[in-house]
Amino acid sequence: MKDGQFKTWQLMVLHAMAAAAFIFLLQRYGLNASLDSALLWALTFGGCAAGLAYSQSKR
């Protein structure tokens, strides 16, 4: 794997983790959602963020 490709995957994972952390904190503490609901939303948004980052990296 080239260095540029590795950097792209690192940024995609970072983007997904940041989105998941943000939505988890918003759901759990901002909206007082249950733990399982907040984790489900975090997983969903993290996956969507990873997909978006992947599609943007292919432009």
Protein backbone atom coordinates (compact mmCIF):
# COMPACT_ATOMS: atom_id res chain seq x y z
CA MET A 1 0.00 0.00 0.00
CA LYS A 2 1.36 3.41 -0.91
CA ASP A 3 1.80 6.17 1.65
CA GLY A 4 -0.93 8.26 0.01
CA GLN A 5 -3.42 5.41 0.21
CA PHE A 6 -2.57 4.77 3.85
CA LYS A 7 -3.08 8.46 4.65
CA THR A 8 -6.48 8.37 2.90
CA TRP A 9 -7.62 5.37 4.97
CA GLN A 10 -6.38 7.04 8.16
CA LEU A 11 -8.39 10.16 7.38
CA MET A 12 -11.48 8.11 6.56
CA VAL A 13 -11.28 6.26 9.88
CA LEU A 14 -10.67 9.52 11.73
CA HIS A 15 -13.71 11.07 10.03
CA ALA A 16 -15.90 8.11 10.98
CA MET A 17 -14.69 8.10 14.59
CA ALA A 18 -15.21 11.85 14.97
CA ALA A 19 -18.74 11.64 13.59
CA ALA A 20 -19.58 8.67 15.81
CA ALA A 21 -18.19 10.38 18.92
CA PHE A 22 -20.07 13.59 18.15
CA ILE A 23 -23.43 11.93 17.61
CA PHE A 24 -22.94 9.68 20.66
CA LEU A 25 -22.27 12.65 22.92
CA LEU A 26 -25.13 14.62 21.42
CA GLN A 27 -27.59 11.74 21.81
CA ARG A 28 -26.45 10.58 25.23
CA TYR A 29 -25.92 13.88 27.02
CA GLY A 30 -27.61 16.50 24.87
CA LEU A 31 -30.83 14.62 24.21
CA ASN A 32 -30.72 12.23 27.20
CA ALA A 33 -31.13 9.12 25.04
CA SER A 34 -30.55 5.64 26.41
CA LEU A 35 -27.12 4.07 26.06
CA ASP A 36 -28.17 1.48 23.49
CA SER A 37 -29.97 4.08 21.39
CA ALA A 38 -26.97 6.43 21.50
CA LEU A 39 -24.62 3.61 20.50
CA LEU A 40 -26.87 2.58 17.62
CA TRP A 41 -27.01 6.15 16.31
CA ALA A 42 -23.23 6.48 16.72
CA LEU A 43 -22.66 3.30 14.72
CA THR A 44 -25.06 4.47 12.02
CA PHE A 45 -23.56 7.93 11.68
CA GLY A 46 -20.02 6.56 11.83
CA GLY A 47 -20.79 4.20 8.98
CA CYS A 48 -22.38 6.98 6.95
CA ALA A 49 -19.41 9.25 7.60
CA ALA A 50 -17.01 6.50 6.49
CA GLY A 51 -19.03 5.99 3.30
CA LEU A 52 -19.07 9.71 2.60
CA ALA A 53 -15.33 10.02 3.20
CA TYR A 54 -14.71 7.05 0.89
CA SER A 55 -16.84 8.53 -1.89
CA GLN A 56 -15.10 11.88 -1.54
CA SER A 57 -11.67 10.27 -1.67
CA LYS A 58 -12.51 8.71 -5.05
CA ARG A 59 -13.22 12.09 -6.74
